[in-house]
Amino acid sequence: GEGKRFMAYAIVNSLKANNKQKLLDELAMGVQEKEKVKGKKHQV
C-alpha cells in the first residue's frame, strides 16, 4: 500500500511535468467519491 502511494505520487508528478493532461483527466475521473472527500485527486 505504501509502495502504491509512493509510485502514484511519482507518476502523477511526471505526467504533470510532461503536460499529459488527457491521462491526468482520466485518472481524476476514476477517483471514488468517498476518496475525493479525503483529498485524493487521481486513481493511478
PDB file of all heavy atoms in Angstrom:
ATOM      1  N   GLY A   1       0.822  -1.214   0.000  1.00  0.00           N
ATOM      2  CA  GLY A   1       0.000   0.000   0.000  1.00  0.00           C
ATOM      3  C   GLY A   1       0.852   1.258   0.000  1.00  0.00           C
ATOM      4  O   GLY A   1       0.574   2.206  -0.739  1.00  0.00           O
ATOM      5  N   GLU A   2       1.905   1.252   0.810  1.00  0.00           N
ATOM      6  CA  GLU A   2       2.818   2.399   0.843  1.00  0.00           C
ATOM      7  C   GLU A   2       3.519   2.562  -0.509  1.00  0.00           C
ATOM      8  O   GLU A   2       3.711   3.679  -0.984  1.00  0.00           O
ATOM      9  CB  GLU A   2       3.849   2.209   1.955  1.00  0.00           C
ATOM     10  CG  GLU A   2       3.274   2.334   3.358  1.00  0.00           C
ATOM     11  CD  GLU A   2       4.294   2.018   4.433  1.00  0.00           C
ATOM     12  OE1 GLU A   2       5.376   1.473   4.092  1.00  0.00           O
ATOM     13  OE2 GLU A   2       4.018   2.301   5.618  1.00  0.00           O
ATOM     14  N   GLY A   3       3.882   1.440  -1.114  1.00  0.00           N
ATOM     15  CA  GLY A   3       4.547   1.495  -2.416  1.00  0.00           C
ATOM     16  C   GLY A   3       3.643   2.065  -3.488  1.00  0.00           C
ATOM     17  O   GLY A   3       4.078   2.873  -4.319  1.00  0.00           O
ATOM     18  N   LYS A   4       2.390   1.664  -3.473  1.00  0.00           N
ATOM     19  CA  LYS A   4       1.437   2.179  -4.459  1.00  0.00           C
ATOM     20  C   LYS A   4       1.268   3.683  -4.320  1.00  0.00           C
ATOM     21  O   LYS A   4       1.228   4.411  -5.320  1.00  0.00           O
ATOM     22  CB  LYS A   4       0.090   1.478  -4.306  1.00  0.00           C
ATOM     23  CG  LYS A   4       0.096   0.037  -4.791  1.00  0.00           C
ATOM     24  CD  LYS A   4      -1.181  -0.687  -4.438  1.00  0.00           C
ATOM     25  CE  LYS A   4      -2.387  -0.150  -5.183  1.00  0.00           C
ATOM     26  NZ  LYS A   4      -3.607  -0.936  -4.886  1.00  0.00           N
ATOM     27  N   ARG A   5       1.188   4.153  -3.099  1.00  0.00           N
ATOM     28  CA  ARG A   5       1.037   5.604  -2.877  1.00  0.00           C
ATOM     29  C   ARG A   5       2.283   6.351  -3.347  1.00  0.00           C
ATOM     30  O   ARG A   5       2.187   7.410  -3.987  1.00  0.00           O
ATOM     31  CB  ARG A   5       0.754   5.893  -1.398  1.00  0.00           C
ATOM     32  CG  ARG A   5      -0.656   5.524  -0.958  1.00  0.00           C
ATOM     33  CD  ARG A   5      -0.971   6.047   0.421  1.00  0.00           C
ATOM     34  NE  ARG A   5      -0.165   5.412   1.451  1.00  0.00           N
ATOM     35  CZ  ARG A   5      -0.499   4.283   2.055  1.00  0.00           C
ATOM     36  NH1 ARG A   5      -1.594   3.632   1.708  1.00  0.00           N
ATOM     37  NH2 ARG A   5       0.269   3.776   3.003  1.00  0.00           N
ATOM     38  N   PHE A   6       3.442   5.827  -3.015  1.00  0.00           N
ATOM     39  CA  PHE A   6       4.703   6.452  -3.411  1.00  0.00           C
ATOM     40  C   PHE A   6       4.832   6.516  -4.927  1.00  0.00           C
ATOM     41  O   PHE A   6       5.175   7.558  -5.500  1.00  0.00           O
ATOM     42  CB  PHE A   6       5.863   5.670  -2.794  1.00  0.00           C
ATOM     43  CG  PHE A   6       7.219   6.123  -3.250  1.00  0.00           C
ATOM     44  CD1 PHE A   6       7.830   7.222  -2.685  1.00  0.00           C
ATOM     45  CD2 PHE A   6       7.891   5.444  -4.267  1.00  0.00           C
ATOM     46  CE1 PHE A   6       9.089   7.643  -3.107  1.00  0.00           C
ATOM     47  CE2 PHE A   6       9.135   5.858  -4.699  1.00  0.00           C
ATOM     48  CZ  PHE A   6       9.735   6.964  -4.120  1.00  0.00           C
ATOM     49  N   MET A   7       4.564   5.389  -5.592  1.00  0.00           N
ATOM     50  CA  MET A   7       4.690   5.353  -7.046  1.00  0.00           C
ATOM     51  C   MET A   7       3.617   6.199  -7.725  1.00  0.00           C
ATOM     52  O   MET A   7       3.886   6.839  -8.750  1.00  0.00           O
ATOM     53  CB  MET A   7       4.630   3.905  -7.536  1.00  0.00           C
ATOM     54  CG  MET A   7       5.876   3.104  -7.187  1.00  0.00           C
ATOM     55  SD  MET A   7       5.880   1.423  -7.862  1.00  0.00           S
ATOM     56  CE  MET A   7       4.657   0.633  -6.809  1.00  0.00           C
ATOM     57  N   ALA A   8       2.418   6.223  -7.159  1.00  0.00           N
ATOM     58  CA  ALA A   8       1.343   7.050  -7.724  1.00  0.00           C
ATOM     59  C   ALA A   8       1.724   8.516  -7.710  1.00  0.00           C
ATOM     60  O   ALA A   8       1.488   9.254  -8.678  1.00  0.00           O
ATOM     61  CB  ALA A   8       0.045   6.821  -6.950  1.00  0.00           C
ATOM     62  N   TYR A   9       2.324   8.943  -6.615  1.00  0.00           N
ATOM     63  CA  TYR A   9       2.766  10.340  -6.491  1.00  0.00           C
ATOM     64  C   TYR A   9       3.786  10.674  -7.578  1.00  0.00           C
ATOM     65  O   TYR A   9       3.701  11.714  -8.241  1.00  0.00           O
ATOM     66  CB  TYR A   9       3.369  10.549  -5.100  1.00  0.00           C
ATOM     67  CG  TYR A   9       3.852  11.947  -4.826  1.00  0.00           C
ATOM     68  CD1 TYR A   9       2.960  12.966  -4.488  1.00  0.00           C
ATOM     69  CD2 TYR A   9       5.217  12.249  -4.892  1.00  0.00           C
ATOM     70  CE1 TYR A   9       3.412  14.253  -4.227  1.00  0.00           C
ATOM     71  CE2 TYR A   9       5.672  13.531  -4.639  1.00  0.00           C
ATOM     72  CZ  TYR A   9       4.774  14.531  -4.302  1.00  0.00           C
ATOM     73  OH  TYR A   9       5.214  15.805  -4.055  1.00  0.00           O
ATOM     74  N   ALA A  10       4.744   9.766  -7.786  1.00  0.00           N
ATOM     75  CA  ALA A  10       5.783   9.990  -8.797  1.00  0.00           C
ATOM     76  C   ALA A  10       5.187   9.992 -10.202  1.00  0.00           C
ATOM     77  O   ALA A  10       5.579  10.804 -11.059  1.00  0.00           O
ATOM     78  CB  ALA A  10       6.858   8.914  -8.676  1.00  0.00           C
ATOM     79  N   ILE A  11       4.258   9.097 -10.455  1.00  0.00           N
ATOM     80  CA  ILE A  11       3.632   9.014 -11.782  1.00  0.00           C
ATOM     81  C   ILE A  11       2.849  10.273 -12.093  1.00  0.00           C
ATOM     82  O   ILE A  11       2.959  10.849 -13.185  1.00  0.00           O
ATOM     83  CB  ILE A  11       2.734   7.763 -11.865  1.00  0.00           C
ATOM     84  CG1 ILE A  11       3.612   6.508 -11.951  1.00  0.00           C
ATOM     85  CG2 ILE A  11       1.792   7.837 -13.063  1.00  0.00           C
ATOM     86  CD1 ILE A  11       2.844   5.205 -11.820  1.00  0.00           C
ATOM     87  N   VAL A  12       2.046  10.736 -11.153  1.00  0.00           N
ATOM     88  CA  VAL A  12       1.239  11.948 -11.367  1.00  0.00           C
ATOM     89  C   VAL A  12       2.139  13.152 -11.597  1.00  0.00           C
ATOM     90  O   VAL A  12       1.896  13.958 -12.510  1.00  0.00           O
ATOM     91  CB  VAL A  12       0.292  12.194 -10.171  1.00  0.00           C
ATOM     92  CG1 VAL A  12      -0.329  13.594 -10.246  1.00  0.00           C
ATOM     93  CG2 VAL A  12      -0.801  11.138 -10.145  1.00  0.00           C
ATOM     94  N   ASN A  13       3.190  13.272 -10.809  1.00  0.00           N
ATOM     95  CA  ASN A  13       4.112  14.404 -10.978  1.00  0.00           C
ATOM     96  C   ASN A  13       4.771  14.381 -12.355  1.00  0.00           C
ATOM     97  O   ASN A  13       4.953  15.424 -12.989  1.00  0.00           O
ATOM     98  CB  ASN A  13       5.175  14.391  -9.886  1.00  0.00           C
ATOM     99  CG  ASN A  13       4.661  14.953  -8.578  1.00  0.00           C
ATOM    100  OD1 ASN A  13       3.592  15.569  -8.537  1.00  0.00           O
ATOM    101  ND2 ASN A  13       5.395  14.748  -7.505  1.00  0.00           N
ATOM    102  N   SER A  14       5.138  13.199 -12.817  1.00  0.00           N
ATOM    103  CA  SER A  14       5.753  13.087 -14.132  1.00  0.00           C
ATOM    104  C   SER A  14       4.770  13.435 -15.236  1.00  0.00           C
ATOM    105  O   SER A  14       5.125  14.131 -16.199  1.00  0.00           O
ATOM    106  CB  SER A  14       6.282  11.659 -14.338  1.00  0.00           C
ATOM    107  OG  SER A  14       6.820  11.513 -15.635  1.00  0.00           O
ATOM    108  N   LEU A  15       3.536  12.969 -15.113  1.00  0.00           N
ATOM    109  CA  LEU A  15       2.520  13.286 -16.122  1.00  0.00           C
ATOM    110  C   LEU A  15       2.262  14.790 -16.172  1.00  0.00           C
ATOM    111  O   LEU A  15       2.082  15.370 -17.251  1.00  0.00           O
ATOM    112  CB  LEU A  15       1.222  12.530 -15.816  1.00  0.00           C
ATOM    113  CG  LEU A  15       1.278  11.002 -15.936  1.00  0.00           C
ATOM    114  CD1 LEU A  15      -0.060  10.394 -15.524  1.00  0.00           C
ATOM    115  CD2 LEU A  15       1.644  10.576 -17.358  1.00  0.00           C
ATOM    116  N   LYS A  16       2.245  15.423 -15.009  1.00  0.00           N
ATOM    117  CA  LYS A  16       2.056  16.879 -14.963  1.00  0.00           C
ATOM    118  C   LYS A  16       3.231  17.595 -15.620  1.00  0.00           C
ATOM    119  O   LYS A  16       3.026  18.530 -16.400  1.00  0.00           O
ATOM    120  CB  LYS A  16       1.905  17.343 -13.507  1.00  0.00           C
ATOM    121  CG  LYS A  16       0.585  16.975 -12.857  1.00  0.00           C
ATOM    122  CD  LYS A  16       0.543  17.461 -11.414  1.00  0.00           C
ATOM    123  CE  LYS A  16      -0.797  17.165 -10.761  1.00  0.00           C
ATOM    124  NZ  LYS A  16      -0.831  17.602  -9.330  1.00  0.00           N
ATOM    125  N   ALA A  17       4.437  17.143 -15.311  1.00  0.00           N
ATOM    126  CA  ALA A  17       5.632  17.801 -15.846  1.00  0.00           C
ATOM    127  C   ALA A  17       5.708  17.682 -17.365  1.00  0.00           C
ATOM    128  O   ALA A  17       6.273  18.555 -18.032  1.00  0.00           O
ATOM    129  CB  ALA A  17       6.884  17.194 -15.212  1.00  0.00           C
ATOM    130  N   ASN A  18       5.103  16.619 -17.901  1.00  0.00           N
ATOM    131  CA  ASN A  18       5.145  16.395 -19.342  1.00  0.00           C
ATOM    132  C   ASN A  18       3.831  16.746 -20.038  1.00  0.00           C
ATOM    133  O   ASN A  18       3.609  16.373 -21.187  1.00  0.00           O
ATOM    134  CB  ASN A  18       5.523  14.940 -19.625  1.00  0.00           C
ATOM    135  CG  ASN A  18       6.970  14.638 -19.272  1.00  0.00           C
ATOM    136  OD1 ASN A  18       7.883  14.979 -20.006  1.00  0.00           O
ATOM    137  ND2 ASN A  18       7.184  14.004 -18.127  1.00  0.00           N
ATOM    138  N   ASN A  19       2.991  17.483 -19.305  1.00  0.00           N
ATOM    139  CA  ASN A  19       1.739  18.005 -19.864  1.00  0.00           C
ATOM    140  C   ASN A  19       0.850  16.934 -20.488  1.00  0.00           C
ATOM    141  O   ASN A  19       0.237  17.142 -21.542  1.00  0.00           O
ATOM    142  CB  ASN A  19       2.046  19.084 -20.916  1.00  0.00           C
ATOM    143  CG  ASN A  19       2.792  20.264 -20.332  1.00  0.00           C
ATOM    144  OD1 ASN A  19       2.400  20.789 -19.285  1.00  0.00           O
ATOM    145  ND2 ASN A  19       3.870  20.684 -20.983  1.00  0.00           N
ATOM    146  N   LYS A  20       0.756  15.792 -19.818  1.00  0.00           N
ATOM    147  CA  LYS A  20      -0.108  14.722 -20.313  1.00  0.00           C
ATOM    148  C   LYS A  20      -1.479  14.831 -19.647  1.00  0.00           C
ATOM    149  O   LYS A  20      -1.885  13.991 -18.836  1.00  0.00           O
ATOM    150  CB  LYS A  20       0.552  13.370 -20.079  1.00  0.00           C
ATOM    151  CG  LYS A  20       1.887  13.253 -20.826  1.00  0.00           C
ATOM    152  CD  LYS A  20       2.413  11.861 -20.921  1.00  0.00           C
ATOM    153  CE  LYS A  20       3.681  11.809 -21.769  1.00  0.00           C
ATOM    154  NZ  LYS A  20       4.203  10.458 -21.989  1.00  0.00           N
ATOM    155  N   GLN A  21      -2.182  15.911 -20.021  1.00  0.00           N
ATOM    156  CA  GLN A  21      -3.416  16.271 -19.359  1.00  0.00           C
ATOM    157  C   GLN A  21      -4.542  15.272 -19.601  1.00  0.00           C
ATOM    158  O   GLN A  21      -5.366  15.018 -18.723  1.00  0.00           O
ATOM    159  CB  GLN A  21      -3.873  17.667 -19.809  1.00  0.00           C
ATOM    160  CG  GLN A  21      -4.975  18.275 -18.954  1.00  0.00           C
ATOM    161  CD  GLN A  21      -4.561  18.386 -17.490  1.00  0.00           C
ATOM    162  OE1 GLN A  21      -3.466  18.859 -17.178  1.00  0.00           O
ATOM    163  NE2 GLN A  21      -5.425  17.950 -16.583  1.00  0.00           N
ATOM    164  N   LYS A  22      -4.574  14.682 -20.777  1.00  0.00           N
ATOM    165  CA  LYS A  22      -5.641  13.721 -21.078  1.00  0.00           C
ATOM    166  C   LYS A  22      -5.588  12.540 -20.120  1.00  0.00           C
ATOM    167  O   LYS A  22      -6.622  12.085 -19.610  1.00  0.00           O
ATOM    168  CB  LYS A  22      -5.526  13.247 -22.526  1.00  0.00           C
ATOM    169  CG  LYS A  22      -6.653  12.321 -22.953  1.00  0.00           C
ATOM    170  CD  LYS A  22      -6.521  11.941 -24.427  1.00  0.00           C
ATOM    171  CE  LYS A  22      -7.653  10.997 -24.840  1.00  0.00           C
ATOM    172  NZ  LYS A  22      -7.540  10.606 -26.273  1.00  0.00           N
ATOM    173  N   LEU A  23      -4.389  12.048 -19.875  1.00  0.00           N
ATOM    174  CA  LEU A  23      -4.233  10.947 -18.932  1.00  0.00           C
ATOM    175  C   LEU A  23      -4.590  11.378 -17.517  1.00  0.00           C
ATOM    176  O   LEU A  23      -5.256  10.647 -16.778  1.00  0.00           O
ATOM    177  CB  LEU A  23      -2.792  10.431 -18.960  1.00  0.00           C
ATOM    178  CG  LEU A  23      -2.448   9.325 -19.962  1.00  0.00           C
ATOM    179  CD1 LEU A  23      -0.961   9.017 -19.907  1.00  0.00           C
ATOM    180  CD2 LEU A  23      -3.265   8.074 -19.691  1.00  0.00           C
ATOM    181  N   LEU A  24      -4.164  12.565 -17.137  1.00  0.00           N
ATOM    182  CA  LEU A  24      -4.480  13.073 -15.792  1.00  0.00           C
ATOM    183  C   LEU A  24      -5.976  13.207 -15.599  1.00  0.00           C
ATOM    184  O   LEU A  24      -6.509  12.872 -14.528  1.00  0.00           O
ATOM    185  CB  LEU A  24      -3.786  14.417 -15.569  1.00  0.00           C
ATOM    186  CG  LEU A  24      -2.259  14.368 -15.412  1.00  0.00           C
ATOM    187  CD1 LEU A  24      -1.665  15.761 -15.528  1.00  0.00           C
ATOM    188  CD2 LEU A  24      -1.892  13.753 -14.061  1.00  0.00           C
ATOM    189  N   ASP A  25      -6.672  13.676 -16.624  1.00  0.00           N
ATOM    190  CA  ASP A  25      -8.130  13.816 -16.539  1.00  0.00           C
ATOM    191  C   ASP A  25      -8.794  12.456 -16.366  1.00  0.00           C
ATOM    192  O   ASP A  25      -9.753  12.304 -15.591  1.00  0.00           O
ATOM    193  CB  ASP A  25      -8.684  14.503 -17.791  1.00  0.00           C
ATOM    194  CG  ASP A  25      -8.282  15.966 -17.882  1.00  0.00           C
ATOM    195  OD1 ASP A  25      -7.870  16.532 -16.844  1.00  0.00           O
ATOM    196  OD2 ASP A  25      -8.373  16.542 -18.983  1.00  0.00           O
ATOM    197  N   GLU A  26      -8.284  11.451 -17.079  1.00  0.00           N
ATOM    198  CA  GLU A  26      -8.853  10.109 -16.972  1.00  0.00           C
ATOM    199  C   GLU A  26      -8.622   9.532 -15.579  1.00  0.00           C
ATOM    200  O   GLU A  26      -9.506   8.886 -15.009  1.00  0.00           O
ATOM    201  CB  GLU A  26      -8.242   9.197 -18.032  1.00  0.00           C
ATOM    202  CG  GLU A  26      -8.954   7.881 -18.175  1.00  0.00           C
ATOM    203  CD  GLU A  26      -8.635   7.156 -19.462  1.00  0.00           C
ATOM    204  OE1 GLU A  26      -7.786   7.657 -20.232  1.00  0.00           O
ATOM    205  OE2 GLU A  26      -9.233   6.092 -19.705  1.00  0.00           O
ATOM    206  N   LEU A  27      -7.449   9.782 -15.017  1.00  0.00           N
ATOM    207  CA  LEU A  27      -7.158   9.306 -13.668  1.00  0.00           C
ATOM    208  C   LEU A  27      -8.016  10.027 -12.632  1.00  0.00           C
ATOM    209  O   LEU A  27      -8.441   9.429 -11.634  1.00  0.00           O
ATOM    210  CB  LEU A  27      -5.671   9.503 -13.342  1.00  0.00           C
ATOM    211  CG  LEU A  27      -4.667   8.774 -14.239  1.00  0.00           C
ATOM    212  CD1 LEU A  27      -3.249   9.010 -13.741  1.00  0.00           C
ATOM    213  CD2 LEU A  27      -4.956   7.280 -14.302  1.00  0.00           C
ATOM    214  N   ALA A  28      -8.277  11.288 -12.873  1.00  0.00           N
ATOM    215  CA  ALA A  28      -9.124  12.070 -11.958  1.00  0.00           C
ATOM    216  C   ALA A  28     -10.549  11.544 -11.957  1.00  0.00           C
ATOM    217  O   ALA A  28     -11.212  11.489 -10.908  1.00  0.00           O
ATOM    218  CB  ALA A  28      -9.089  13.539 -12.347  1.00  0.00           C
ATOM    219  N   MET A  29     -11.030  11.146 -13.117  1.00  0.00           N
ATOM    220  CA  MET A  29     -12.392  10.626 -13.218  1.00  0.00           C
ATOM    221  C   MET A  29     -12.552   9.289 -12.510  1.00  0.00           C
ATOM    222  O   MET A  29     -13.669   8.884 -12.163  1.00  0.00           O
ATOM    223  CB  MET A  29     -12.774  10.479 -14.693  1.00  0.00           C
ATOM    224  CG  MET A  29     -12.951  11.797 -15.428  1.00  0.00           C
ATOM    225  SD  MET A  29     -13.320  11.565 -17.189  1.00  0.00           S
ATOM    226  CE  MET A  29     -14.886  10.680 -17.078  1.00  0.00           C
ATOM    227  N   GLY A  30     -11.445   8.594 -12.274  1.00  0.00           N
ATOM    228  CA  GLY A  30     -11.509   7.288 -11.635  1.00  0.00           C
ATOM    229  C   GLY A  30     -11.575   7.317 -10.123  1.00  0.00           C
ATOM    230  O   GLY A  30     -11.777   6.278  -9.490  1.00  0.00           O
ATOM    231  N   VAL A  31     -11.438   8.476  -9.519  1.00  0.00           N
ATOM    232  CA  VAL A  31     -11.448   8.575  -8.052  1.00  0.00           C
ATOM    233  C   VAL A  31     -12.874   8.450  -7.523  1.00  0.00           C
ATOM    234  O   VAL A  31     -13.778   9.152  -7.972  1.00  0.00           O
ATOM    235  CB  VAL A  31     -10.831   9.907  -7.588  1.00  0.00           C
ATOM    236  CG1 VAL A  31     -10.822   9.979  -6.063  1.00  0.00           C
ATOM    237  CG2 VAL A  31      -9.422  10.059  -8.127  1.00  0.00           C
ATOM    238  N   GLN A  32     -13.069   7.556  -6.579  1.00  0.00           N
ATOM    239  CA  GLN A  32     -14.372   7.374  -5.967  1.00  0.00           C
ATOM    240  C   GLN A  32     -14.726   8.573  -5.094  1.00  0.00           C
ATOM    241  O   GLN A  32     -13.849   9.247  -4.550  1.00  0.00           O
ATOM    242  CB  GLN A  32     -14.397   6.098  -5.126  1.00  0.00           C
ATOM    243  CG  GLN A  32     -14.172   4.823  -5.925  1.00  0.00           C
ATOM    244  CD  GLN A  32     -14.206   3.590  -5.054  1.00  0.00           C
ATOM    245  OE1 GLN A  32     -14.235   3.665  -3.825  1.00  0.00           O
ATOM    246  NE2 GLN A  32     -14.190   2.424  -5.685  1.00  0.00           N
ATOM    247  N   GLU A  33     -16.020   8.822  -4.956  1.00  0.00           N
ATOM    248  CA  GLU A  33     -16.477   9.996  -4.210  1.00  0.00           C
ATOM    249  C   GLU A  33     -15.955  10.010  -2.781  1.00  0.00           C
ATOM    250  O   GLU A  33     -15.542  11.050  -2.265  1.00  0.00           O
ATOM    251  CB  GLU A  33     -18.019  10.047  -4.210  1.00  0.00           C
ATOM    252  CG  GLU A  33     -18.627  10.370  -5.558  1.00  0.00           C
ATOM    253  CD  GLU A  33     -18.188  11.730  -6.080  1.00  0.00           C
ATOM    254  OE1 GLU A  33     -18.015  12.656  -5.264  1.00  0.00           O
ATOM    255  OE2 GLU A  33     -17.998  11.854  -7.297  1.00  0.00           O
ATOM    256  N   LYS A  34     -15.974   8.841  -2.125  1.00  0.00           N
ATOM    257  CA  LYS A  34     -15.516   8.796  -0.726  1.00  0.00           C
ATOM    258  C   LYS A  34     -14.021   9.100  -0.621  1.00  0.00           C
ATOM    259  O   LYS A  34     -13.548   9.581   0.416  1.00  0.00           O
ATOM    260  CB  LYS A  34     -15.816   7.427  -0.112  1.00  0.00           C
ATOM    261  CG  LYS A  34     -15.130   6.256  -0.779  1.00  0.00           C
ATOM    262  CD  LYS A  34     -15.505   4.951  -0.087  1.00  0.00           C
ATOM    263  CE  LYS A  34     -14.808   3.756  -0.740  1.00  0.00           C
ATOM    264  NZ  LYS A  34     -15.188   2.488  -0.064  1.00  0.00           N
ATOM    265  N   GLU A  35     -13.273   8.828  -1.708  1.00  0.00           N
ATOM    266  CA  GLU A  35     -11.852   9.141  -1.704  1.00  0.00           C
ATOM    267  C   GLU A  35     -11.611  10.611  -2.020  1.00  0.00           C
ATOM    268  O   GLU A  35     -10.642  11.203  -1.550  1.00  0.00           O
ATOM    269  CB  GLU A  35     -11.122   8.255  -2.718  1.00  0.00           C
ATOM    270  CG  GLU A  35     -11.142   6.765  -2.378  1.00  0.00           C
ATOM    271  CD  GLU A  35     -10.435   6.463  -1.067  1.00  0.00           C
ATOM    272  OE1 GLU A  35      -9.407   7.112  -0.807  1.00  0.00           O
ATOM    273  OE2 GLU A  35     -10.911   5.594  -0.319  1.00  0.00           O
ATOM    274  N   LYS A  36     -12.487  11.198  -2.836  1.00  0.00           N
ATOM    275  CA  LYS A  36     -12.371  12.625  -3.139  1.00  0.00           C
ATOM    276  C   LYS A  36     -12.504  13.450  -1.864  1.00  0.00           C
ATOM    277  O   LYS A  36     -11.820  14.464  -1.690  1.00  0.00           O
ATOM    278  CB  LYS A  36     -13.443  13.042  -4.143  1.00  0.00           C
ATOM    279  CG  LYS A  36     -13.218  12.521  -5.549  1.00  0.00           C
ATOM    280  CD  LYS A  36     -14.329  13.001  -6.486  1.00  0.00           C
ATOM    281  CE  LYS A  36     -14.127  12.481  -7.892  1.00  0.00           C
ATOM    282  NZ  LYS A  36     -15.214  12.911  -8.809  1.00  0.00           N
ATOM    283  N   VAL A  37     -13.392  13.007  -0.978  1.00  0.00           N
ATOM    284  CA  VAL A  37     -13.595  13.709   0.292  1.00  0.00           C
ATOM    285  C   VAL A  37     -12.307  13.738   1.104  1.00  0.00           C
ATOM    286  O   VAL A  37     -12.021  14.696   1.828  1.00  0.00           O
ATOM    287  CB  VAL A  37     -14.723  13.033   1.104  1.00  0.00           C
ATOM    288  CG1 VAL A  37     -14.839  13.663   2.492  1.00  0.00           C
ATOM    289  CG2 VAL A  37     -16.040  13.134   0.356  1.00  0.00           C
ATOM    290  N   LYS A  38     -11.498  12.684   0.961  1.00  0.00           N
ATOM    291  CA  LYS A  38     -10.236  12.592   1.696  1.00  0.00           C
ATOM    292  C   LYS A  38      -9.119  13.377   1.015  1.00  0.00           C
ATOM    293  O   LYS A  38      -8.011  13.440   1.521  1.00  0.00           O
ATOM    294  CB  LYS A  38      -9.820  11.128   1.833  1.00  0.00           C
ATOM    295  CG  LYS A  38     -10.817  10.264   2.581  1.00  0.00           C
ATOM    296  CD  LYS A  38     -10.355   8.811   2.596  1.00  0.00           C
ATOM    297  CE  LYS A  38     -11.366   7.899   3.254  1.00  0.00           C
ATOM    298  NZ  LYS A  38     -10.941   6.486   3.228  1.00  0.00           N
ATOM    299  N   GLY A  39      -9.430  13.944  -0.163  1.00  0.00           N
ATOM    300  CA  GLY A  39      -8.439  14.750  -0.864  1.00  0.00           C
ATOM    301  C   GLY A  39      -7.731  14.044  -2.000  1.00  0.00           C
ATOM    302  O   GLY A  39      -6.835  14.622  -2.622  1.00  0.00           O
ATOM    303  N   LYS A  40      -8.127  12.810  -2.286  1.00  0.00           N
ATOM    304  CA  LYS A  40      -7.489  12.078  -3.373  1.00  0.00           C
ATOM    305  C   LYS A  40      -7.918  12.653  -4.717  1.00  0.00           C
ATOM    306  O   LYS A  40      -9.104  12.914  -4.938  1.00  0.00           O
ATOM    307  CB  LYS A  40      -7.864  10.594  -3.309  1.00  0.00           C
ATOM    308  CG  LYS A  40      -7.128   9.730  -4.304  1.00  0.00           C
ATOM    309  CD  LYS A  40      -7.432   8.249  -4.065  1.00  0.00           C
ATOM    310  CE  LYS A  40      -6.661   7.350  -5.001  1.00  0.00           C
ATOM    311  NZ  LYS A  40      -6.904   5.913  -4.725  1.00  0.00           N
ATOM    312  N   LYS A  41      -6.969  12.861  -5.625  1.00  0.00           N
ATOM    313  CA  LYS A  41      -7.262  13.524  -6.895  1.00  0.00           C
ATOM    314  C   LYS A  41      -7.094  12.635  -8.118  1.00  0.00           C
ATOM    315  O   LYS A  41      -7.651  12.931  -9.174  1.00  0.00           O
ATOM    316  CB  LYS A  41      -6.371  14.762  -7.044  1.00  0.00           C
ATOM    317  CG  LYS A  41      -6.631  15.827  -5.991  1.00  0.00           C
ATOM    318  CD  LYS A  41      -5.736  17.036  -6.201  1.00  0.00           C
ATOM    319  CE  LYS A  41      -6.016  18.113  -5.154  1.00  0.00           C
ATOM    320  NZ  LYS A  41      -5.137  19.299  -5.352  1.00  0.00           N
ATOM    321  N   HIS A  42      -6.318  11.544  -7.977  1.00  0.00           N
ATOM    322  CA  HIS A  42      -6.066  10.692  -9.130  1.00  0.00           C
ATOM    323  C   HIS A  42      -6.077   9.225  -8.710  1.00  0.00           C
ATOM    324  O   HIS A  42      -5.510   8.876  -7.671  1.00  0.00           O
ATOM    325  CB  HIS A  42      -4.717  11.016  -9.779  1.00  0.00           C
ATOM    326  CG  HIS A  42      -4.605  12.421 -10.262  1.00  0.00           C
ATOM    327  ND1 HIS A  42      -4.087  13.435  -9.473  1.00  0.00           N
ATOM    328  CD2 HIS A  42      -4.940  12.986 -11.450  1.00  0.00           C
ATOM    329  CE1 HIS A  42      -4.107  14.561 -10.152  1.00  0.00           C
ATOM    330  NE2 HIS A  42      -4.616  14.322 -11.350  1.00  0.00           N
ATOM    331  N   GLN A  43      -6.683   8.378  -9.526  1.00  0.00           N
ATOM    332  CA  GLN A  43      -6.675   6.935  -9.305  1.00  0.00           C
ATOM    333  C   GLN A  43      -5.637   6.325 -10.238  1.00  0.00           C
ATOM    334  O   GLN A  43      -5.889   6.115 -11.418  1.00  0.00           O
ATOM    335  CB  GLN A  43      -8.056   6.336  -9.591  1.00  0.00           C
ATOM    336  CG  GLN A  43      -8.183   4.873  -9.228  1.00  0.00           C
ATOM    337  CD  GLN A  43      -8.029   4.659  -7.723  1.00  0.00           C
ATOM    338  OE1 GLN A  43      -8.657   5.354  -6.921  1.00  0.00           O
ATOM    339  NE2 GLN A  43      -7.194   3.714  -7.344  1.00  0.00           N
ATOM    340  N   VAL A  44      -4.472   6.045  -9.712  1.00  0.00           N
ATOM    341  CA  VAL A  44      -3.355   5.587 -10.532  1.00  0.00           C
ATOM    342  C   VAL A  44      -3.328   4.059 -10.661  1.00  0.00           C
ATOM    343  O   VAL A  44      -3.030   3.523 -11.730  1.00  0.00           O
ATOM    344  CB  VAL A  44      -2.019   6.093  -9.958  1.00  0.00           C
ATOM    345  CG1 VAL A  44      -0.838   5.528 -10.734  1.00  0.00           C
ATOM    346  CG2 VAL A  44      -1.987   7.623  -9.987  1.00  0.00           C
TER     347      VAL A  44
END
